[in-house]
């Protein structure tokens, strides 16, 4: 992915379930401040991201930053199986 790709930074505390928040061109998404209670919009947006990948759009790694409890809740949400298979890095 070229450095000139788009970047979407989504706040898990205030994000809306709006697919227009996701990139429409090659780029990457950063989802930050994932915590509890887990907002309903977050699984919807991540599902939208998965559709971008499956549709062949060159989008980069979905990076999630937040509390361990919040990220575990997101990984266990229905239809988030691909996140459950992702490598976890503790930084």
PDB file of N, CA and C in Angstrom:
ATOM      1  N   UNK A   1       0.841  -1.164   0.000  1.00  0.00           N
ATOM      2  CA  UNK A   1       0.000   0.000   0.000  1.00  0.00           C
ATOM      3  C   UNK A   1       0.887   1.228   0.000  1.00  0.00           C
ATOM      4  N   UNK A   2       0.581   2.166  -0.820  1.00  0.00           N
ATOM      5  CA  UNK A   2       1.351   3.392  -0.911  1.00  0.00           C
ATOM      6  C   UNK A   2       1.094   4.277   0.296  1.00  0.00           C
ATOM      7  N   UNK A   3       2.094   5.060   0.660  1.00  0.00           N
ATOM      8  CA  UNK A   3       1.957   5.958   1.791  1.00  0.00           C
ATOM      9  C   UNK A   3       0.901   7.025   1.537  1.00  0.00           C
ATOM     10  N   UNK A   4       0.566   7.261   0.292  1.00  0.00           N
ATOM     11  CA  UNK A   4      -0.411   8.288  -0.049  1.00  0.00           C
ATOM     12  C   UNK A   4      -1.845   7.812   0.141  1.00  0.00           C
ATOM     13  N   UNK A   5      -2.066   6.588   0.591  1.00  0.00           N
ATOM     14  CA  UNK A   5      -3.417   6.067   0.789  1.00  0.00           C
ATOM     15  C   UNK A   5      -4.176   6.853   1.833  1.00  0.00           C
ATOM     16  N   UNK A   6      -5.484   6.698   1.822  1.00  0.00           N
ATOM     17  CA  UNK A   6      -6.311   7.421   2.777  1.00  0.00           C
ATOM     18  C   UNK A   6      -6.221   6.774   4.151  1.00  0.00           C
ATOM     19  N   UNK A   7      -6.545   7.548   5.162  1.00  0.00           N
ATOM     20  CA  UNK A   7      -6.545   7.048   6.527  1.00  0.00           C
ATOM     21  C   UNK A   7      -7.841   7.505   7.175  1.00  0.00           C
ATOM     22  N   UNK A   8      -8.523   6.574   7.808  1.00  0.00           N
ATOM     23  CA  UNK A   8      -9.727   6.891   8.566  1.00  0.00           C
ATOM     24  C   UNK A   8      -9.447   6.571  10.018  1.00  0.00           C
ATOM     25  N   UNK A   9      -9.623   7.539  10.885  1.00  0.00           N
ATOM     26  CA  UNK A   9      -9.477   7.321  12.313  1.00  0.00           C
ATOM     27  C   UNK A   9     -10.867   7.403  12.922  1.00  0.00           C
ATOM     28  N   UNK A  10     -11.330   6.295  13.488  1.00  0.00           N
ATOM     29  CA  UNK A  10     -12.680   6.219  14.025  1.00  0.00           C
ATOM     30  C   UNK A  10     -12.640   6.110  15.546  1.00  0.00           C
ATOM     31  N   UNK A  11     -13.378   6.940  16.208  1.00  0.00           N
ATOM     32  CA  UNK A  11     -13.462   6.936  17.659  1.00  0.00           C
ATOM     33  C   UNK A  11     -14.564   5.965  18.074  1.00  0.00           C
ATOM     34  N   UNK A  12     -14.196   4.903  18.779  1.00  0.00           N
ATOM     35  CA  UNK A  12     -15.161   3.877  19.178  1.00  0.00           C
ATOM     36  C   UNK A  12     -16.170   4.397  20.189  1.00  0.00           C
ATOM     37  N   UNK A  13     -15.886   5.535  20.819  1.00  0.00           N
ATOM     38  CA  UNK A  13     -16.819   6.092  21.800  1.00  0.00           C
ATOM     39  C   UNK A  13     -17.938   6.867  21.150  1.00  0.00           C
ATOM     40  N   UNK A  14     -17.716   7.368  19.923  1.00  0.00           N
ATOM     41  CA  UNK A  14     -18.699   8.252  19.307  1.00  0.00           C
ATOM     42  C   UNK A  14     -19.003   7.904  17.856  1.00  0.00           C
ATOM     43  N   UNK A  15     -18.401   6.852  17.326  1.00  0.00           N
ATOM     44  CA  UNK A  15     -18.584   6.511  15.914  1.00  0.00           C
ATOM     45  C   UNK A  15     -20.011   6.101  15.590  1.00  0.00           C
ATOM     46  N   UNK A  16     -20.411   6.401  14.376  1.00  0.00           N
ATOM     47  CA  UNK A  16     -21.745   6.038  13.898  1.00  0.00           C
ATOM     48  C   UNK A  16     -21.637   4.840  12.966  1.00  0.00           C
ATOM     49  N   UNK A  17     -22.701   4.105  12.839  1.00  0.00           N
ATOM     50  CA  UNK A  17     -22.738   2.950  11.935  1.00  0.00           C
ATOM     51  C   UNK A  17     -22.970   3.450  10.513  1.00  0.00           C
ATOM     52  N   UNK A  18     -22.010   4.182   9.998  1.00  0.00           N
ATOM     53  CA  UNK A  18     -22.126   4.816   8.691  1.00  0.00           C
ATOM     54  C   UNK A  18     -20.982   4.356   7.806  1.00  0.00           C
ATOM     55  N   UNK A  19     -21.240   3.534   6.796  1.00  0.00           N
ATOM     56  CA  UNK A  19     -20.175   3.020   5.934  1.00  0.00           C
ATOM     57  C   UNK A  19     -19.384   4.120   5.229  1.00  0.00           C
ATOM     58  N   UNK A  20     -19.948   5.326   5.124  1.00  0.00           N
ATOM     59  CA  UNK A  20     -19.206   6.427   4.492  1.00  0.00           C
ATOM     60  C   UNK A  20     -18.012   6.867   5.326  1.00  0.00           C
ATOM     61  N   UNK A  21     -17.928   6.414   6.577  1.00  0.00           N
ATOM     62  CA  UNK A  21     -16.773   6.723   7.419  1.00  0.00           C
ATOM     63  C   UNK A  21     -15.553   5.894   7.020  1.00  0.00           C
ATOM     64  N   UNK A  22     -15.782   4.827   6.284  1.00  0.00           N
ATOM     65  CA  UNK A  22     -14.703   3.932   5.862  1.00  0.00           C
ATOM     66  C   UNK A  22     -14.082   4.450   4.573  1.00  0.00           C
ATOM     67  N   UNK A  23     -12.813   4.074   4.307  1.00  0.00           N
ATOM     68  CA  UNK A  23     -12.174   4.566   3.091  1.00  0.00           C
ATOM     69  C   UNK A  23     -12.863   4.053   1.831  1.00  0.00           C
ATOM     70  N   UNK A  24     -12.855   4.871   0.798  1.00  0.00           N
ATOM     71  CA  UNK A  24     -13.415   4.458  -0.491  1.00  0.00           C
ATOM     72  C   UNK A  24     -12.296   4.259  -1.508  1.00  0.00           C
ATOM     73  N   UNK A  25     -11.071   4.404  -1.061  1.00  0.00           N
ATOM     74  CA  UNK A  25      -9.880   4.226  -1.882  1.00  0.00           C
ATOM     75  C   UNK A  25      -8.848   3.480  -1.041  1.00  0.00           C
ATOM     76  N   UNK A  26      -7.757   3.035  -1.641  1.00  0.00           N
ATOM     77  CA  UNK A  26      -6.748   2.323  -0.847  1.00  0.00           C
ATOM     78  C   UNK A  26      -6.333   3.136   0.373  1.00  0.00           C
ATOM     79  N   UNK A  27      -6.191   2.467   1.489  1.00  0.00           N
ATOM     80  CA  UNK A  27      -5.814   3.141   2.720  1.00  0.00           C
ATOM     81  C   UNK A  27      -5.937   2.215   3.913  1.00  0.00           C
ATOM     82  N   UNK A  28      -6.108   2.788   5.081  1.00  0.00           N
ATOM     83  CA  UNK A  28      -6.240   1.978   6.288  1.00  0.00           C
ATOM     84  C   UNK A  28      -7.141   2.669   7.295  1.00  0.00           C
ATOM     85  N   UNK A  29      -7.585   1.886   8.265  1.00  0.00           N
ATOM     86  CA  UNK A  29      -8.492   2.359   9.305  1.00  0.00           C
ATOM     87  C   UNK A  29      -7.836   2.167  10.658  1.00  0.00           C
ATOM     88  N   UNK A  30      -7.949   3.163  11.499  1.00  0.00           N
ATOM     89  CA  UNK A  30      -7.537   3.045  12.905  1.00  0.00           C
ATOM     90  C   UNK A  30      -8.794   3.211  13.750  1.00  0.00           C
ATOM     91  N   UNK A  31      -9.109   2.213  14.525  1.00  0.00           N
ATOM     92  CA  UNK A  31     -10.235   2.285  15.453  1.00  0.00           C
ATOM     93  C   UNK A  31      -9.648   2.460  16.844  1.00  0.00           C
ATOM     94  N   UNK A  32      -9.941   3.590  17.476  1.00  0.00           N
ATOM     95  CA  UNK A  32      -9.323   3.854  18.777  1.00  0.00           C
ATOM     96  C   UNK A  32     -10.368   4.043  19.870  1.00  0.00           C
ATOM     97  N   UNK A  33      -9.900   3.915  21.109  1.00  0.00           N
ATOM     98  CA  UNK A  33     -10.723   4.070  22.306  1.00  0.00           C
ATOM     99  C   UNK A  33     -11.838   3.035  22.396  1.00  0.00           C
ATOM    100  N   UNK A  34     -11.509   1.782  22.061  1.00  0.00           N
ATOM    101  CA  UNK A  34     -12.471   0.697  22.191  1.00  0.00           C
ATOM    102  C   UNK A  34     -12.600   0.361  23.679  1.00  0.00           C
ATOM    103  N   UNK A  35     -13.771   0.432  24.199  1.00  0.00           N
ATOM    104  CA  UNK A  35     -13.994   0.129  25.610  1.00  0.00           C
ATOM    105  C   UNK A  35     -15.420  -0.357  25.812  1.00  0.00           C
ATOM    106  N   UNK A  36     -15.788  -0.503  27.055  1.00  0.00           N
ATOM    107  CA  UNK A  36     -17.151  -0.905  27.401  1.00  0.00           C
ATOM    108  C   UNK A  36     -17.894   0.296  27.951  1.00  0.00           C
ATOM    109  N   UNK A  37     -19.159   0.443  27.684  1.00  0.00           N
ATOM    110  CA  UNK A  37     -19.962  -0.464  26.871  1.00  0.00           C
ATOM    111  C   UNK A  37     -19.585  -0.346  25.397  1.00  0.00           C
ATOM    112  N   UNK A  38     -19.603  -1.470  24.718  1.00  0.00           N
ATOM    113  CA  UNK A  38     -19.264  -1.520  23.303  1.00  0.00           C
ATOM    114  C   UNK A  38     -20.426  -0.942  22.500  1.00  0.00           C
ATOM    115  N   UNK A  39     -20.143   0.081  21.730  1.00  0.00           N
ATOM    116  CA  UNK A  39     -21.193   0.713  20.909  1.00  0.00           C
ATOM    117  C   UNK A  39     -21.603  -0.216  19.772  1.00  0.00           C
ATOM    118  N   UNK A  40     -22.885  -0.256  19.485  1.00  0.00           N
ATOM    119  CA  UNK A  40     -23.438  -1.103  18.437  1.00  0.00           C
ATOM    120  C   UNK A  40     -22.804  -0.775  17.082  1.00  0.00           C
ATOM    121  N   UNK A  41     -22.419   0.467  16.874  1.00  0.00           N
ATOM    122  CA  UNK A  41     -21.861   0.891  15.586  1.00  0.00           C
ATOM    123  C   UNK A  41     -20.530   0.212  15.276  1.00  0.00           C
ATOM    124  N   UNK A  42     -19.764  -0.174  16.287  1.00  0.00           N
ATOM    125  CA  UNK A  42     -18.422  -0.696  16.029  1.00  0.00           C
ATOM    126  C   UNK A  42     -18.443  -2.009  15.245  1.00  0.00           C
ATOM    127  N   UNK A  43     -19.204  -3.031  15.649  1.00  0.00           N
ATOM    128  CA  UNK A  43     -19.259  -4.232  14.817  1.00  0.00           C
ATOM    129  C   UNK A  43     -19.793  -3.957  13.413  1.00  0.00           C
ATOM    130  N   UNK A  44     -20.715  -2.999  13.285  1.00  0.00           N
ATOM    131  CA  UNK A  44     -21.250  -2.657  11.969  1.00  0.00           C
ATOM    132  C   UNK A  44     -20.142  -2.089  11.083  1.00  0.00           C
ATOM    133  N   UNK A  45     -19.349  -1.169  11.623  1.00  0.00           N
ATOM    134  CA  UNK A  45     -18.267  -0.573  10.845  1.00  0.00           C
ATOM    135  C   UNK A  45     -17.192  -1.594  10.505  1.00  0.00           C
ATOM    136  N   UNK A  46     -16.861  -2.461  11.439  1.00  0.00           N
ATOM    137  CA  UNK A  46     -15.837  -3.469  11.163  1.00  0.00           C
ATOM    138  C   UNK A  46     -16.349  -4.471  10.145  1.00  0.00           C
ATOM    139  N   UNK A  47     -17.629  -4.790  10.199  1.00  0.00           N
ATOM    140  CA  UNK A  47     -18.210  -5.634   9.154  1.00  0.00           C
ATOM    141  C   UNK A  47     -18.123  -4.960   7.794  1.00  0.00           C
ATOM    142  N   UNK A  48     -18.333  -3.646   7.759  1.00  0.00           N
ATOM    143  CA  UNK A  48     -18.178  -2.892   6.518  1.00  0.00           C
ATOM    144  C   UNK A  48     -16.751  -2.925   6.021  1.00  0.00           C
ATOM    145  N   UNK A  49     -15.803  -2.843   6.944  1.00  0.00           N
ATOM    146  CA  UNK A  49     -14.382  -2.940   6.573  1.00  0.00           C
ATOM    147  C   UNK A  49     -14.095  -4.292   5.944  1.00  0.00           C
ATOM    148  N   UNK A  50     -14.652  -5.347   6.539  1.00  0.00           N
ATOM    149  CA  UNK A  50     -14.445  -6.694   5.996  1.00  0.00           C
ATOM    150  C   UNK A  50     -14.995  -6.785   4.570  1.00  0.00           C
ATOM    151  N   UNK A  51     -16.099  -6.133   4.296  1.00  0.00           N
ATOM    152  CA  UNK A  51     -16.659  -6.137   2.940  1.00  0.00           C
ATOM    153  C   UNK A  51     -15.736  -5.407   1.967  1.00  0.00           C
ATOM    154  N   UNK A  52     -15.065  -4.346   2.419  1.00  0.00           N
ATOM    155  CA  UNK A  52     -14.099  -3.657   1.561  1.00  0.00           C
ATOM    156  C   UNK A  52     -12.962  -4.598   1.175  1.00  0.00           C
ATOM    157  N   UNK A  53     -12.467  -5.349   2.156  1.00  0.00           N
ATOM    158  CA  UNK A  53     -11.382  -6.298   1.898  1.00  0.00           C
ATOM    159  C   UNK A  53     -11.854  -7.375   0.926  1.00  0.00           C
ATOM    160  N   UNK A  54     -13.019  -7.946   1.189  1.00  0.00           N
ATOM    161  CA  UNK A  54     -13.549  -9.003   0.324  1.00  0.00           C
ATOM    162  C   UNK A  54     -13.857  -8.491  -1.079  1.00  0.00           C
ATOM    163  N   UNK A  55     -14.164  -7.203  -1.198  1.00  0.00           N
ATOM    164  CA  UNK A  55     -14.451  -6.611  -2.494  1.00  0.00           C
ATOM    165  C   UNK A  55     -13.208  -6.247  -3.281  1.00  0.00           C
ATOM    166  N   UNK A  56     -12.034  -6.480  -2.713  1.00  0.00           N
ATOM    167  CA  UNK A  56     -10.789  -6.250  -3.424  1.00  0.00           C
ATOM    168  C   UNK A  56     -10.187  -4.867  -3.245  1.00  0.00           C
ATOM    169  N   UNK A  57     -10.773  -4.011  -2.410  1.00  0.00           N
ATOM    170  CA  UNK A  57     -10.181  -2.700  -2.170  1.00  0.00           C
ATOM    171  C   UNK A  57      -8.908  -2.878  -1.343  1.00  0.00           C
ATOM    172  N   UNK A  58      -7.857  -2.222  -1.735  1.00  0.00           N
ATOM    173  CA  UNK A  58      -6.578  -2.354  -1.030  1.00  0.00           C
ATOM    174  C   UNK A  58      -6.582  -1.497   0.231  1.00  0.00           C
ATOM    175  N   UNK A  59      -7.232  -2.011   1.245  1.00  0.00           N
ATOM    176  CA  UNK A  59      -7.255  -1.339   2.537  1.00  0.00           C
ATOM    177  C   UNK A  59      -6.294  -2.066   3.459  1.00  0.00           C
ATOM    178  N   UNK A  60      -5.649  -1.311   4.311  1.00  0.00           N
ATOM    179  CA  UNK A  60      -4.627  -1.869   5.175  1.00  0.00           C
ATOM    180  C   UNK A  60      -5.179  -2.501   6.424  1.00  0.00           C
ATOM    181  N   UNK A  61      -4.294  -2.719   7.327  1.00  0.00           N
ATOM    182  CA  UNK A  61      -4.597  -3.404   8.582  1.00  0.00           C
ATOM    183  C   UNK A  61      -5.528  -2.544   9.423  1.00  0.00           C
ATOM    184  N   UNK A  62      -6.529  -3.182   9.967  1.00  0.00           N
ATOM    185  CA  UNK A  62      -7.414  -2.514  10.905  1.00  0.00           C
ATOM    186  C   UNK A  62      -6.718  -2.525  12.257  1.00  0.00           C
ATOM    187  N   UNK A  63      -6.415  -1.378  12.777  1.00  0.00           N
ATOM    188  CA  UNK A  63      -5.701  -1.254  14.042  1.00  0.00           C
ATOM    189  C   UNK A  63      -6.702  -0.854  15.106  1.00  0.00           C
ATOM    190  N   UNK A  64      -6.753  -1.602  16.202  1.00  0.00           N
ATOM    191  CA  UNK A  64      -7.664  -1.269  17.286  1.00  0.00           C
ATOM    192  C   UNK A  64      -6.854  -0.933  18.522  1.00  0.00           C
ATOM    193  N   UNK A  65      -7.171   0.182  19.128  1.00  0.00           N
ATOM    194  CA  UNK A  65      -6.483   0.618  20.333  1.00  0.00           C
ATOM    195  C   UNK A  65      -7.549   0.869  21.387  1.00  0.00           C
ATOM    196  N   UNK A  66      -7.385   0.263  22.543  1.00  0.00           N
ATOM    197  CA  UNK A  66      -8.359   0.480  23.596  1.00  0.00           C
ATOM    198  C   UNK A  66      -8.096  -0.437  24.769  1.00  0.00           C
ATOM    199  N   UNK A  67      -9.066  -0.517  25.656  1.00  0.00           N
ATOM    200  CA  UNK A  67      -8.911  -1.369  26.829  1.00  0.00           C
ATOM    201  C   UNK A  67      -8.960  -2.834  26.416  1.00  0.00           C
ATOM    202  N   UNK A  68      -8.273  -3.668  27.147  1.00  0.00           N
ATOM    203  CA  UNK A  68      -8.296  -5.100  26.877  1.00  0.00           C
ATOM    204  C   UNK A  68      -9.705  -5.664  26.928  1.00  0.00           C
ATOM    205  N   UNK A  69     -10.482  -5.205  27.883  1.00  0.00           N
ATOM    206  CA  UNK A  69     -11.862  -5.675  28.030  1.00  0.00           C
ATOM    207  C   UNK A  69     -12.689  -5.262  26.815  1.00  0.00           C
ATOM    208  N   UNK A  70     -12.524  -4.026  26.349  1.00  0.00           N
ATOM    209  CA  UNK A  70     -13.273  -3.548  25.199  1.00  0.00           C
ATOM    210  C   UNK A  70     -12.917  -4.292  23.925  1.00  0.00           C
ATOM    211  N   UNK A  71     -11.629  -4.522  23.712  1.00  0.00           N
ATOM    212  CA  UNK A  71     -11.195  -5.233  22.509  1.00  0.00           C
ATOM    213  C   UNK A  71     -11.656  -6.681  22.546  1.00  0.00           C
ATOM    214  N   UNK A  72     -11.593  -7.328  23.717  1.00  0.00           N
ATOM    215  CA  UNK A  72     -12.108  -8.697  23.828  1.00  0.00           C
ATOM    216  C   UNK A  72     -13.601  -8.733  23.509  1.00  0.00           C
ATOM    217  N   UNK A  73     -14.355  -7.743  23.991  1.00  0.00           N
ATOM    218  CA  UNK A  73     -15.793  -7.690  23.703  1.00  0.00           C
ATOM    219  C   UNK A  73     -16.025  -7.536  22.206  1.00  0.00           C
ATOM    220  N   UNK A  74     -15.232  -6.715  21.545  1.00  0.00           N
ATOM    221  CA  UNK A  74     -15.380  -6.531  20.103  1.00  0.00           C
ATOM    222  C   UNK A  74     -15.040  -7.807  19.350  1.00  0.00           C
ATOM    223  N   UNK A  75     -13.995  -8.492  19.780  1.00  0.00           N
ATOM    224  CA  UNK A  75     -13.600  -9.736  19.115  1.00  0.00           C
ATOM    225  C   UNK A  75     -14.648 -10.824  19.298  1.00  0.00           C
ATOM    226  N   UNK A  76     -15.443 -10.755  20.369  1.00  0.00           N
ATOM    227  CA  UNK A  76     -16.452 -11.771  20.639  1.00  0.00           C
ATOM    228  C   UNK A  76     -17.821 -11.396  20.080  1.00  0.00           C
ATOM    229  N   UNK A  77     -17.934 -10.206  19.495  1.00  0.00           N
ATOM    230  CA  UNK A  77     -19.221  -9.775  18.941  1.00  0.00           C
ATOM    231  C   UNK A  77     -19.609 -10.667  17.761  1.00  0.00           C
ATOM    232  N   UNK A  78     -20.913 -10.876  17.562  1.00  0.00           N
ATOM    233  CA  UNK A  78     -21.353 -11.697  16.423  1.00  0.00           C
ATOM    234  C   UNK A  78     -20.794 -11.156  15.108  1.00  0.00           C
ATOM    235  N   UNK A  79     -20.436 -12.060  14.244  1.00  0.00           N
ATOM    236  CA  UNK A  79     -19.890 -11.780  12.903  1.00  0.00           C
ATOM    237  C   UNK A  79     -18.506 -11.146  12.909  1.00  0.00           C
ATOM    238  N   UNK A  80     -17.812 -11.168  14.021  1.00  0.00           N
ATOM    239  CA  UNK A  80     -16.462 -10.607  14.081  1.00  0.00           C
ATOM    240  C   UNK A  80     -15.401 -11.706  14.084  1.00  0.00           C
ATOM    241  N   UNK A  81     -15.720 -12.843  13.478  1.00  0.00           N
ATOM    242  CA  UNK A  81     -14.804 -13.980  13.465  1.00  0.00           C
ATOM    243  C   UNK A  81     -13.446 -13.666  12.887  1.00  0.00           C
ATOM    244  N   UNK A  82     -13.389 -12.806  11.853  1.00  0.00           N
ATOM    245  CA  UNK A  82     -12.090 -12.521  11.260  1.00  0.00           C
ATOM    246  C   UNK A  82     -11.197 -11.748  12.223  1.00  0.00           C
ATOM    247  N   UNK A  83     -11.771 -10.957  13.130  1.00  0.00           N
ATOM    248  CA  UNK A  83     -10.958 -10.270  14.132  1.00  0.00           C
ATOM    249  C   UNK A  83     -10.470 -11.276  15.166  1.00  0.00           C
ATOM    250  N   UNK A  84     -11.290 -12.263  15.493  1.00  0.00           N
ATOM    251  CA  UNK A  84     -10.885 -13.283  16.454  1.00  0.00           C
ATOM    252  C   UNK A  84      -9.668 -14.061  15.968  1.00  0.00           C
ATOM    253  N   UNK A  85      -9.497 -14.149  14.651  1.00  0.00           N
ATOM    254  CA  UNK A  85      -8.348 -14.859  14.103  1.00  0.00           C
ATOM    255  C   UNK A  85      -7.124 -13.964  13.934  1.00  0.00           C
ATOM    256  N   UNK A  86      -7.268 -12.670  14.180  1.00  0.00           N
ATOM    257  CA  UNK A  86      -6.160 -11.731  13.991  1.00  0.00           C
ATOM    258  C   UNK A  86      -5.137 -11.877  15.103  1.00  0.00           C
ATOM    259  N   UNK A  87      -3.915 -11.574  14.759  1.00  0.00           N
ATOM    260  CA  UNK A  87      -2.840 -11.594  15.749  1.00  0.00           C
ATOM    261  C   UNK A  87      -3.013 -10.430  16.712  1.00  0.00           C
ATOM    262  N   UNK A  88      -2.792 -10.688  17.981  1.00  0.00           N
ATOM    263  CA  UNK A  88      -2.918  -9.644  19.005  1.00  0.00           C
ATOM    264  C   UNK A  88      -1.518  -9.200  19.404  1.00  0.00           C
ATOM    265  N   UNK A  89      -1.307  -7.913  19.367  1.00  0.00           N
ATOM    266  CA  UNK A  89      -0.043  -7.327  19.808  1.00  0.00           C
ATOM    267  C   UNK A  89      -0.320  -6.472  21.034  1.00  0.00           C
ATOM    268  N   UNK A  90       0.398  -6.735  22.082  1.00  0.00           N
ATOM    269  CA  UNK A  90       0.263  -5.926  23.304  1.00  0.00           C
ATOM    270  C   UNK A  90       1.400  -4.910  23.291  1.00  0.00           C
ATOM    271  N   UNK A  91       1.060  -3.649  23.038  1.00  0.00           N
ATOM    272  CA  UNK A  91       2.091  -2.613  22.967  1.00  0.00           C
ATOM    273  C   UNK A  91       1.930  -1.591  24.039  1.00  0.00           C
TER     274      UNK A  91
END
